[in-house]
Amino acid sequence: MLADPWGQVYLEAMKARAIVIGNNVAALPELTENGRLGVLVDEPSATEVAAAVLATYARPQHELEQIALEAQERTLRLYNWDAVADRLLAALRGGGNLKQVS
């Protein structure tokens, strides 16, 4: 995706334990912990994305499985509707920060 400010498509992919490769913009850096749980590319060109795909799948299988599992666990923990509603209500009541995700 070239312009997905929220990143729903990435969350769905992470939830399915797919390795996410995308632009280093908008929500993706936060969702992937600045690339720890996915791969960020600075330029959305075919050459850079292809290089990122090749480099990613050249990594050991157990490493990719661990990244996918951690990404799935983080997504299920932080971006389920109950967690989102709790953060939203806390922010509306003045006792929380919508951006505070850990």
PDB file of N, CA and C in Angstrom:
ATOM      1  N   MET A   1       0.850  -1.179   0.000  1.00  0.00           N
ATOM      2  CA  MET A   1       0.000   0.000   0.000  1.00  0.00           C
ATOM      3  C   MET A   1       0.894   1.239   0.000  1.00  0.00           C
ATOM      4  N   LEU A   2       0.580   2.169  -0.826  1.00  0.00           N
ATOM      5  CA  LEU A   2       1.386   3.388  -0.890  1.00  0.00           C
ATOM      6  C   LEU A   2       0.951   4.425   0.139  1.00  0.00           C
ATOM      7  N   ALA A   3      -0.323   4.427   0.524  1.00  0.00           N
ATOM      8  CA  ALA A   3      -0.800   5.470   1.431  1.00  0.00           C
ATOM      9  C   ALA A   3      -1.898   4.923   2.339  1.00  0.00           C
ATOM     10  N   ASP A   4      -1.522   4.175   3.338  1.00  0.00           N
ATOM     11  CA  ASP A   4      -2.471   3.670   4.333  1.00  0.00           C
ATOM     12  C   ASP A   4      -2.077   4.279   5.670  1.00  0.00           C
ATOM     13  N   PRO A   5      -2.709   5.382   6.053  1.00  0.00           N
ATOM     14  CA  PRO A   5      -2.273   6.085   7.253  1.00  0.00           C
ATOM     15  C   PRO A   5      -2.459   5.288   8.538  1.00  0.00           C
ATOM     16  N   TRP A   6      -3.453   4.423   8.587  1.00  0.00           N
ATOM     17  CA  TRP A   6      -3.682   3.662   9.825  1.00  0.00           C
ATOM     18  C   TRP A   6      -2.972   2.326   9.794  1.00  0.00           C
ATOM     19  N   GLY A   7      -3.044   1.610   8.730  1.00  0.00           N
ATOM     20  CA  GLY A   7      -2.325   0.355   8.630  1.00  0.00           C
ATOM     21  C   GLY A   7      -3.159  -0.884   8.864  1.00  0.00           C
ATOM     22  N   GLN A   8      -4.460  -0.807   8.648  1.00  0.00           N
ATOM     23  CA  GLN A   8      -5.318  -1.964   8.890  1.00  0.00           C
ATOM     24  C   GLN A   8      -4.882  -3.182   8.083  1.00  0.00           C
ATOM     25  N   VAL A   9      -4.477  -2.962   6.855  1.00  0.00           N
ATOM     26  CA  VAL A   9      -4.051  -4.096   6.028  1.00  0.00           C
ATOM     27  C   VAL A   9      -2.808  -4.753   6.632  1.00  0.00           C
ATOM     28  N   TYR A  10      -1.926  -3.966   7.226  1.00  0.00           N
ATOM     29  CA  TYR A  10      -0.734  -4.529   7.862  1.00  0.00           C
ATOM     30  C   TYR A  10      -1.095  -5.295   9.119  1.00  0.00           C
ATOM     31  N   LEU A  11      -2.024  -4.765   9.912  1.00  0.00           N
ATOM     32  CA  LEU A  11      -2.463  -5.472  11.116  1.00  0.00           C
ATOM     33  C   LEU A  11      -3.087  -6.820  10.763  1.00  0.00           C
ATOM     34  N   GLU A  12      -3.883  -6.838   9.717  1.00  0.00           N
ATOM     35  CA  GLU A  12      -4.492  -8.102   9.296  1.00  0.00           C
ATOM     36  C   GLU A  12      -3.423  -9.097   8.861  1.00  0.00           C
ATOM     37  N   ALA A  13      -2.419  -8.625   8.149  1.00  0.00           N
ATOM     38  CA  ALA A  13      -1.330  -9.506   7.721  1.00  0.00           C
ATOM     39  C   ALA A  13      -0.536 -10.015   8.923  1.00  0.00           C
ATOM     40  N   MET A  14      -0.230  -9.125   9.870  1.00  0.00           N
ATOM     41  CA  MET A  14       0.510  -9.520  11.056  1.00  0.00           C
ATOM     42  C   MET A  14      -0.295 -10.514  11.893  1.00  0.00           C
ATOM     43  N   LYS A  15      -1.581 -10.291  11.977  1.00  0.00           N
ATOM     44  CA  LYS A  15      -2.458 -11.206  12.700  1.00  0.00           C
ATOM     45  C   LYS A  15      -2.417 -12.600  12.081  1.00  0.00           C
ATOM     46  N   ALA A  16      -2.270 -12.671  10.773  1.00  0.00           N
ATOM     47  CA  ALA A  16      -2.205 -13.942  10.050  1.00  0.00           C
ATOM     48  C   ALA A  16      -0.787 -14.517  10.018  1.00  0.00           C
ATOM     49  N   ARG A  17       0.134 -13.899  10.729  1.00  0.00           N
ATOM     50  CA  ARG A  17       1.541 -14.308  10.806  1.00  0.00           C
ATOM     51  C   ARG A  17       2.254 -14.243   9.459  1.00  0.00           C
ATOM     52  N   ALA A  18       1.910 -13.228   8.680  1.00  0.00           N
ATOM     53  CA  ALA A  18       2.636 -12.954   7.434  1.00  0.00           C
ATOM     54  C   ALA A  18       3.727 -11.932   7.735  1.00  0.00           C
ATOM     55  N   ILE A  19       4.854 -12.068   7.099  1.00  0.00           N
ATOM     56  CA  ILE A  19       5.916 -11.081   7.244  1.00  0.00           C
ATOM     57  C   ILE A  19       5.513  -9.849   6.436  1.00  0.00           C
ATOM     58  N   VAL A  20       5.477  -8.712   7.096  1.00  0.00           N
ATOM     59  CA  VAL A  20       5.044  -7.466   6.465  1.00  0.00           C
ATOM     60  C   VAL A  20       6.252  -6.723   5.910  1.00  0.00           C
ATOM     61  N   ILE A  21       6.152  -6.307   4.663  1.00  0.00           N
ATOM     62  CA  ILE A  21       7.153  -5.464   4.022  1.00  0.00           C
ATOM     63  C   ILE A  21       6.402  -4.263   3.477  1.00  0.00           C
ATOM     64  N   GLY A  22       6.792  -3.066   3.900  1.00  0.00           N
ATOM     65  CA  GLY A  22       6.074  -1.890   3.450  1.00  0.00           C
ATOM     66  C   GLY A  22       6.865  -0.617   3.636  1.00  0.00           C
ATOM     67  N   ASN A  23       6.241   0.483   3.252  1.00  0.00           N
ATOM     68  CA  ASN A  23       6.882   1.799   3.300  1.00  0.00           C
ATOM     69  C   ASN A  23       7.126   2.264   4.727  1.00  0.00           C
ATOM     70  N   ASN A  24       8.215   2.929   4.916  1.00  0.00           N
ATOM     71  CA  ASN A  24       8.602   3.473   6.215  1.00  0.00           C
ATOM     72  C   ASN A  24       7.876   4.808   6.452  1.00  0.00           C
ATOM     73  N   VAL A  25       6.552   4.761   6.432  1.00  0.00           N
ATOM     74  CA  VAL A  25       5.728   5.959   6.594  1.00  0.00           C
ATOM     75  C   VAL A  25       4.481   5.611   7.397  1.00  0.00           C
ATOM     76  N   ALA A  26       3.780   6.656   7.816  1.00  0.00           N
ATOM     77  CA  ALA A  26       2.482   6.547   8.486  1.00  0.00           C
ATOM     78  C   ALA A  26       2.556   5.588   9.675  1.00  0.00           C
ATOM     79  N   ALA A  27       1.649   4.641   9.738  1.00  0.00           N
ATOM     80  CA  ALA A  27       1.526   3.780  10.914  1.00  0.00           C
ATOM     81  C   ALA A  27       2.490   2.603  10.934  1.00  0.00           C
ATOM     82  N   LEU A  28       3.029   2.225   9.786  1.00  0.00           N
ATOM     83  CA  LEU A  28       3.808   0.988   9.745  1.00  0.00           C
ATOM     84  C   LEU A  28       5.027   0.972  10.661  1.00  0.00           C
ATOM     85  N   PRO A  29       5.790   2.045  10.782  1.00  0.00           N
ATOM     86  CA  PRO A  29       6.904   1.986  11.728  1.00  0.00           C
ATOM     87  C   PRO A  29       6.434   1.674  13.161  1.00  0.00           C
ATOM     88  N   GLU A  30       5.347   2.281  13.598  1.00  0.00           N
ATOM     89  CA  GLU A  30       4.834   1.996  14.942  1.00  0.00           C
ATOM     90  C   GLU A  30       4.333   0.557  15.049  1.00  0.00           C
ATOM     91  N   LEU A  31       3.589   0.112  14.059  1.00  0.00           N
ATOM     92  CA  LEU A  31       3.013  -1.228  14.105  1.00  0.00           C
ATOM     93  C   LEU A  31       4.085  -2.314  14.124  1.00  0.00           C
ATOM     94  N   THR A  32       5.209  -2.080  13.458  1.00  0.00           N
ATOM     95  CA  THR A  32       6.280  -3.080  13.376  1.00  0.00           C
ATOM     96  C   THR A  32       7.422  -2.809  14.348  1.00  0.00           C
ATOM     97  N   GLU A  33       7.205  -1.909  15.297  1.00  0.00           N
ATOM     98  CA  GLU A  33       8.269  -1.508  16.226  1.00  0.00           C
ATOM     99  C   GLU A  33       9.513  -1.083  15.451  1.00  0.00           C
ATOM    100  N   ASN A  34       9.306  -0.150  14.535  1.00  0.00           N
ATOM    101  CA  ASN A  34      10.373   0.407  13.694  1.00  0.00           C
ATOM    102  C   ASN A  34      11.129  -0.658  12.899  1.00  0.00           C
ATOM    103  N   GLY A  35      10.379  -1.633  12.411  1.00  0.00           N
ATOM    104  CA  GLY A  35      10.955  -2.649  11.553  1.00  0.00           C
ATOM    105  C   GLY A  35      11.398  -3.916  12.255  1.00  0.00           C
ATOM    106  N   ARG A  36      11.324  -3.971  13.575  1.00  0.00           N
ATOM    107  CA  ARG A  36      11.715  -5.194  14.284  1.00  0.00           C
ATOM    108  C   ARG A  36      10.774  -6.342  13.953  1.00  0.00           C
ATOM    109  N   LEU A  37       9.485  -6.030  13.760  1.00  0.00           N
ATOM    110  CA  LEU A  37       8.488  -7.063  13.492  1.00  0.00           C
ATOM    111  C   LEU A  37       7.965  -6.989  12.055  1.00  0.00           C
ATOM    112  N   GLY A  38       8.792  -6.534  11.177  1.00  0.00           N
ATOM    113  CA  GLY A  38       8.461  -6.412   9.761  1.00  0.00           C
ATOM    114  C   GLY A  38       9.646  -5.787   9.062  1.00  0.00           C
ATOM    115  N   VAL A  39       9.469  -5.435   7.824  1.00  0.00           N
ATOM    116  CA  VAL A  39      10.553  -4.838   7.045  1.00  0.00           C
ATOM    117  C   VAL A  39      10.054  -3.514   6.481  1.00  0.00           C
ATOM    118  N   LEU A  40      10.827  -2.460   6.712  1.00  0.00           N
ATOM    119  CA  LEU A  40      10.478  -1.126   6.232  1.00  0.00           C
ATOM    120  C   LEU A  40      11.382  -0.748   5.065  1.00  0.00           C
ATOM    121  N   VAL A  41      10.792  -0.204   4.025  1.00  0.00           N
ATOM    122  CA  VAL A  41      11.572   0.304   2.901  1.00  0.00           C
ATOM    123  C   VAL A  41      11.357   1.811   2.813  1.00  0.00           C
ATOM    124  N   ASP A  42      12.413   2.529   2.507  1.00  0.00           N
ATOM    125  CA  ASP A  42      12.337   3.992   2.468  1.00  0.00           C
ATOM    126  C   ASP A  42      11.788   4.522   1.156  1.00  0.00           C
ATOM    127  N   GLU A  43      11.946   3.764   0.092  1.00  0.00           N
ATOM    128  CA  GLU A  43      11.486   4.189  -1.226  1.00  0.00           C
ATOM    129  C   GLU A  43      10.573   3.117  -1.795  1.00  0.00           C
ATOM    130  N   PRO A  44       9.330   3.451  -2.128  1.00  0.00           N
ATOM    131  CA  PRO A  44       8.406   2.432  -2.615  1.00  0.00           C
ATOM    132  C   PRO A  44       8.623   2.071  -4.085  1.00  0.00           C
ATOM    133  N   SER A  45       9.865   1.799  -4.435  1.00  0.00           N
ATOM    134  CA  SER A  45      10.158   1.421  -5.818  1.00  0.00           C
ATOM    135  C   SER A  45      10.168  -0.102  -5.924  1.00  0.00           C
ATOM    136  N   ALA A  46       9.922  -0.591  -7.104  1.00  0.00           N
ATOM    137  CA  ALA A  46       9.933  -2.036  -7.327  1.00  0.00           C
ATOM    138  C   ALA A  46      11.284  -2.631  -6.967  1.00  0.00           C
ATOM    139  N   THR A  47      12.354  -1.916  -7.271  1.00  0.00           N
ATOM    140  CA  THR A  47      13.707  -2.410  -6.985  1.00  0.00           C
ATOM    141  C   THR A  47      13.933  -2.548  -5.491  1.00  0.00           C
ATOM    142  N   GLU A  48      13.549  -1.532  -4.716  1.00  0.00           N
ATOM    143  CA  GLU A  48      13.776  -1.590  -3.270  1.00  0.00           C
ATOM    144  C   GLU A  48      12.886  -2.625  -2.597  1.00  0.00           C
ATOM    145  N   VAL A  49      11.645  -2.714  -3.024  1.00  0.00           N
ATOM    146  CA  VAL A  49      10.740  -3.715  -2.446  1.00  0.00           C
ATOM    147  C   VAL A  49      11.225  -5.124  -2.789  1.00  0.00           C
ATOM    148  N   ALA A  50      11.638  -5.333  -4.016  1.00  0.00           N
ATOM    149  CA  ALA A  50      12.152  -6.652  -4.413  1.00  0.00           C
ATOM    150  C   ALA A  50      13.396  -7.012  -3.606  1.00  0.00           C
ATOM    151  N   ALA A  51      14.288  -6.056  -3.411  1.00  0.00           N
ATOM    152  CA  ALA A  51      15.493  -6.306  -2.612  1.00  0.00           C
ATOM    153  C   ALA A  51      15.124  -6.650  -1.171  1.00  0.00           C
ATOM    154  N   ALA A  52      14.124  -5.969  -0.629  1.00  0.00           N
ATOM    155  CA  ALA A  52      13.672  -6.252   0.743  1.00  0.00           C
ATOM    156  C   ALA A  52      13.072  -7.649   0.840  1.00  0.00           C
ATOM    157  N   VAL A  53      12.291  -8.042  -0.153  1.00  0.00           N
ATOM    158  CA  VAL A  53      11.697  -9.387  -0.160  1.00  0.00           C
ATOM    159  C   VAL A  53      12.804 -10.441  -0.213  1.00  0.00           C
ATOM    160  N   LEU A  54      13.764 -10.269  -1.108  1.00  0.00           N
ATOM    161  CA  LEU A  54      14.852 -11.241  -1.235  1.00  0.00           C
ATOM    162  C   LEU A  54      15.684 -11.310   0.042  1.00  0.00           C
ATOM    163  N   ALA A  55      16.005 -10.162   0.625  1.00  0.00           N
ATOM    164  CA  ALA A  55      16.791 -10.143   1.862  1.00  0.00           C
ATOM    165  C   ALA A  55      16.020 -10.780   3.020  1.00  0.00           C
ATOM    166  N   THR A  56      14.730 -10.529   3.064  1.00  0.00           N
ATOM    167  CA  THR A  56      13.917 -11.095   4.143  1.00  0.00           C
ATOM    168  C   THR A  56      13.890 -12.613   4.061  1.00  0.00           C
ATOM    169  N   TYR A  57      13.603 -13.136   2.890  1.00  0.00           N
ATOM    170  CA  TYR A  57      13.484 -14.586   2.764  1.00  0.00           C
ATOM    171  C   TYR A  57      14.828 -15.303   2.661  1.00  0.00           C
ATOM    172  N   ALA A  58      15.924 -14.560   2.701  1.00  0.00           N
ATOM    173  CA  ALA A  58      17.248 -15.159   2.811  1.00  0.00           C
ATOM    174  C   ALA A  58      17.596 -15.410   4.283  1.00  0.00           C
ATOM    175  N   ARG A  59      16.799 -14.845   5.177  1.00  0.00           N
ATOM    176  CA  ARG A  59      17.029 -15.032   6.613  1.00  0.00           C
ATOM    177  C   ARG A  59      16.637 -16.456   7.016  1.00  0.00           C
ATOM    178  N   PRO A  60      17.190 -16.932   8.122  1.00  0.00           N
ATOM    179  CA  PRO A  60      16.847 -18.283   8.582  1.00  0.00           C
ATOM    180  C   PRO A  60      15.341 -18.428   8.858  1.00  0.00           C
ATOM    181  N   GLN A  61      14.795 -19.577   8.541  1.00  0.00           N
ATOM    182  CA  GLN A  61      13.369 -19.836   8.709  1.00  0.00           C
ATOM    183  C   GLN A  61      12.915 -19.627  10.147  1.00  0.00           C
ATOM    184  N   HIS A  62      13.703 -20.085  11.119  1.00  0.00           N
ATOM    185  CA  HIS A  62      13.292 -19.938  12.525  1.00  0.00           C
ATOM    186  C   HIS A  62      13.208 -18.459  12.931  1.00  0.00           C
ATOM    187  N   GLU A  63      14.040 -17.633  12.341  1.00  0.00           N
ATOM    188  CA  GLU A  63      14.005 -16.192  12.622  1.00  0.00           C
ATOM    189  C   GLU A  63      12.724 -15.565  12.066  1.00  0.00           C
ATOM    190  N   LEU A  64      12.362 -15.943  10.857  1.00  0.00           N
ATOM    191  CA  LEU A  64      11.126 -15.440  10.255  1.00  0.00           C
ATOM    192  C   LEU A  64       9.895 -15.914  11.034  1.00  0.00           C
ATOM    193  N   GLU A  65       9.922 -17.161  11.473  1.00  0.00           N
ATOM    194  CA  GLU A  65       8.809 -17.681  12.266  1.00  0.00           C
ATOM    195  C   GLU A  65       8.674 -16.932  13.584  1.00  0.00           C
ATOM    196  N   GLN A  66       9.787 -16.594  14.222  1.00  0.00           N
ATOM    197  CA  GLN A  66       9.762 -15.854  15.484  1.00  0.00           C
ATOM    198  C   GLN A  66       9.222 -14.437  15.275  1.00  0.00           C
ATOM    199  N   ILE A  67       9.655 -13.786  14.224  1.00  0.00           N
ATOM    200  CA  ILE A  67       9.146 -12.445  13.900  1.00  0.00           C
ATOM    201  C   ILE A  67       7.642 -12.499  13.670  1.00  0.00           C
ATOM    202  N   ALA A  68       7.198 -13.466  12.882  1.00  0.00           N
ATOM    203  CA  ALA A  68       5.773 -13.591  12.577  1.00  0.00           C
ATOM    204  C   ALA A  68       4.956 -13.864  13.832  1.00  0.00           C
ATOM    205  N   LEU A  69       5.457 -14.715  14.703  1.00  0.00           N
ATOM    206  CA  LEU A  69       4.756 -15.033  15.945  1.00  0.00           C
ATOM    207  C   LEU A  69       4.674 -13.815  16.860  1.00  0.00           C
ATOM    208  N   GLU A  70       5.787 -13.103  17.029  1.00  0.00           N
ATOM    209  CA  GLU A  70       5.786 -11.904  17.876  1.00  0.00           C
ATOM    210  C   GLU A  70       4.872 -10.823  17.308  1.00  0.00           C
ATOM    211  N   ALA A  71       4.871 -10.670  15.996  1.00  0.00           N
ATOM    212  CA  ALA A  71       3.999  -9.680  15.365  1.00  0.00           C
ATOM    213  C   ALA A  71       2.535 -10.045  15.597  1.00  0.00           C
ATOM    214  N   GLN A  72       2.211 -11.316  15.459  1.00  0.00           N
ATOM    215  CA  GLN A  72       0.841 -11.755  15.698  1.00  0.00           C
ATOM    216  C   GLN A  72       0.433 -11.518  17.160  1.00  0.00           C
ATOM    217  N   GLU A  73       1.279 -11.898  18.082  1.00  0.00           N
ATOM    218  CA  GLU A  73       0.970 -11.725  19.505  1.00  0.00           C
ATOM    219  C   GLU A  73       0.770 -10.253  19.854  1.00  0.00           C
ATOM    220  N   ARG A  74       1.640  -9.394  19.333  1.00  0.00           N
ATOM    221  CA  ARG A  74       1.522  -7.955  19.600  1.00  0.00           C
ATOM    222  C   ARG A  74       0.226  -7.401  19.017  1.00  0.00           C
ATOM    223  N   THR A  75      -0.099  -7.821  17.812  1.00  0.00           N
ATOM    224  CA  THR A  75      -1.325  -7.351  17.165  1.00  0.00           C
ATOM    225  C   THR A  75      -2.556  -7.784  17.954  1.00  0.00           C
ATOM    226  N   LEU A  76      -2.601  -9.040  18.351  1.00  0.00           N
ATOM    227  CA  LEU A  76      -3.754  -9.535  19.098  1.00  0.00           C
ATOM    228  C   LEU A  76      -3.877  -8.871  20.472  1.00  0.00           C
ATOM    229  N   ARG A  77      -2.751  -8.546  21.087  1.00  0.00           N
ATOM    230  CA  ARG A  77      -2.762  -7.931  22.417  1.00  0.00           C
ATOM    231  C   ARG A  77      -3.123  -6.451  22.380  1.00  0.00           C
ATOM    232  N   LEU A  78      -2.583  -5.718  21.423  1.00  0.00           N
ATOM    233  CA  LEU A  78      -2.723  -4.265  21.431  1.00  0.00           C
ATOM    234  C   LEU A  78      -3.823  -3.709  20.545  1.00  0.00           C
ATOM    235  N   TYR A  79      -4.212  -4.456  19.529  1.00  0.00           N
ATOM    236  CA  TYR A  79      -5.137  -3.895  18.557  1.00  0.00           C
ATOM    237  C   TYR A  79      -6.464  -4.639  18.487  1.00  0.00           C
ATOM    238  N   ASN A  80      -6.792  -5.362  19.546  1.00  0.00           N
ATOM    239  CA  ASN A  80      -8.127  -5.940  19.608  1.00  0.00           C
ATOM    240  C   ASN A  80      -9.078  -4.831  20.046  1.00  0.00           C
ATOM    241  N   TRP A  81     -10.359  -5.006  19.816  1.00  0.00           N
ATOM    242  CA  TRP A  81     -11.314  -3.926  20.081  1.00  0.00           C
ATOM    243  C   TRP A  81     -11.386  -3.540  21.554  1.00  0.00           C
ATOM    244  N   ASP A  82     -11.228  -4.490  22.456  1.00  0.00           N
ATOM    245  CA  ASP A  82     -11.260  -4.152  23.883  1.00  0.00           C
ATOM    246  C   ASP A  82     -10.088  -3.250  24.264  1.00  0.00           C
ATOM    247  N   ALA A  83      -8.902  -3.577  23.782  1.00  0.00           N
ATOM    248  CA  ALA A  83      -7.717  -2.766  24.092  1.00  0.00           C
ATOM    249  C   ALA A  83      -7.829  -1.373  23.490  1.00  0.00           C
ATOM    250  N   VAL A  84      -8.304  -1.289  22.261  1.00  0.00           N
ATOM    251  CA  VAL A  84      -8.472   0.007  21.604  1.00  0.00           C
ATOM    252  C   VAL A  84      -9.519   0.841  22.351  1.00  0.00           C
ATOM    253  N   ALA A  85     -10.639   0.224  22.713  1.00  0.00           N
ATOM    254  CA  ALA A  85     -11.693   0.945  23.444  1.00  0.00           C
ATOM    255  C   ALA A  85     -11.185   1.423  24.794  1.00  0.00           C
ATOM    256  N   ASP A  86     -10.407   0.612  25.498  1.00  0.00           N
ATOM    257  CA  ASP A  86      -9.853   1.028  26.794  1.00  0.00           C
ATOM    258  C   ASP A  86      -8.958   2.253  26.646  1.00  0.00           C
ATOM    259  N   ARG A  87      -8.093   2.257  25.615  1.00  0.00           N
ATOM    260  CA  ARG A  87      -7.216   3.417  25.403  1.00  0.00           C
ATOM    261  C   ARG A  87      -8.015   4.645  25.020  1.00  0.00           C
ATOM    262  N   LEU A  88      -9.027   4.451  24.193  1.00  0.00           N
ATOM    263  CA  LEU A  88      -9.866   5.564  23.769  1.00  0.00           C
ATOM    264  C   LEU A  88     -10.631   6.155  24.948  1.00  0.00           C
ATOM    265  N   LEU A  89     -11.240   5.321  25.754  1.00  0.00           N
ATOM    266  CA  LEU A  89     -11.976   5.810  26.927  1.00  0.00           C
ATOM    267  C   LEU A  89     -11.058   6.512  27.915  1.00  0.00           C
ATOM    268  N   ALA A  90      -9.886   5.958  28.145  1.00  0.00           N
ATOM    269  CA  ALA A  90      -8.933   6.599  29.056  1.00  0.00           C
ATOM    270  C   ALA A  90      -8.528   7.974  28.543  1.00  0.00           C
ATOM    271  N   ALA A  91      -8.307   8.090  27.240  1.00  0.00           N
ATOM    272  CA  ALA A  91      -7.931   9.384  26.666  1.00  0.00           C
ATOM    273  C   ALA A  91      -9.084  10.370  26.762  1.00  0.00           C
ATOM    274  N   LEU A  92     -10.305   9.906  26.505  1.00  0.00           N
ATOM    275  CA  LEU A  92     -11.466  10.790  26.589  1.00  0.00           C
ATOM    276  C   LEU A  92     -11.721  11.267  28.013  1.00  0.00           C
ATOM    277  N   ARG A  93     -11.375  10.444  28.969  1.00  0.00           N
ATOM    278  CA  ARG A  93     -11.542  10.817  30.383  1.00  0.00           C
ATOM    279  C   ARG A  93     -10.366  11.644  30.890  1.00  0.00           C
ATOM    280  N   GLY A  94      -9.369  11.826  30.044  1.00  0.00           N
ATOM    281  CA  GLY A  94      -8.210  12.632  30.437  1.00  0.00           C
ATOM    282  C   GLY A  94      -7.144  11.863  31.182  1.00  0.00           C
ATOM    283  N   GLY A  95      -7.268  10.570  31.248  1.00  0.00           N
ATOM    284  CA  GLY A  95      -6.288   9.785  32.013  1.00  0.00           C
ATOM    285  C   GLY A  95      -5.405   8.907  31.163  1.00  0.00           C
ATOM    286  N   GLY A  96      -5.388   9.131  29.887  1.00  0.00           N
ATOM    287  CA  GLY A  96      -4.585   8.266  29.043  1.00  0.00           C
ATOM    288  C   GLY A  96      -4.113   8.963  27.793  1.00  0.00           C
ATOM    289  N   ASN A  97      -3.316   8.234  27.059  1.00  0.00           N
ATOM    290  CA  ASN A  97      -2.744   8.758  25.838  1.00  0.00           C
ATOM    291  C   ASN A  97      -3.041   7.757  24.726  1.00  0.00           C
ATOM    292  N   LEU A  98      -3.700   8.200  23.687  1.00  0.00           N
ATOM    293  CA  LEU A  98      -4.046   7.300  22.582  1.00  0.00           C
ATOM    294  C   LEU A  98      -2.805   6.734  21.896  1.00  0.00           C
ATOM    295  N   LYS A  99      -1.722   7.459  21.915  1.00  0.00           N
ATOM    296  CA  LYS A  99      -0.513   7.003  21.227  1.00  0.00           C
ATOM    297  C   LYS A  99       0.312   6.050  22.083  1.00  0.00           C
ATOM    298  N   GLN A 100      -0.021   5.914  23.329  1.00  0.00           N
ATOM    299  CA  GLN A 100       0.776   5.072  24.227  1.00  0.00           C
ATOM    300  C   GLN A 100       0.402   3.611  24.031  1.00  0.00           C
ATOM    301  N   VAL A 101       1.214   2.909  23.273  1.00  0.00           N
ATOM    302  CA  VAL A 101       1.007   1.496  23.011  1.00  0.00           C
ATOM    303  C   VAL A 101       2.292   0.778  23.361  1.00  0.00           C
ATOM    304  N   SER A 102       2.180  -0.255  24.167  1.00  0.00           N
ATOM    305  CA  SER A 102       3.398  -1.006  24.525  1.00  0.00           C
ATOM    306  C   SER A 102       3.145  -2.483  24.518  1.00  0.00           C
TER     307      SER A 102
END
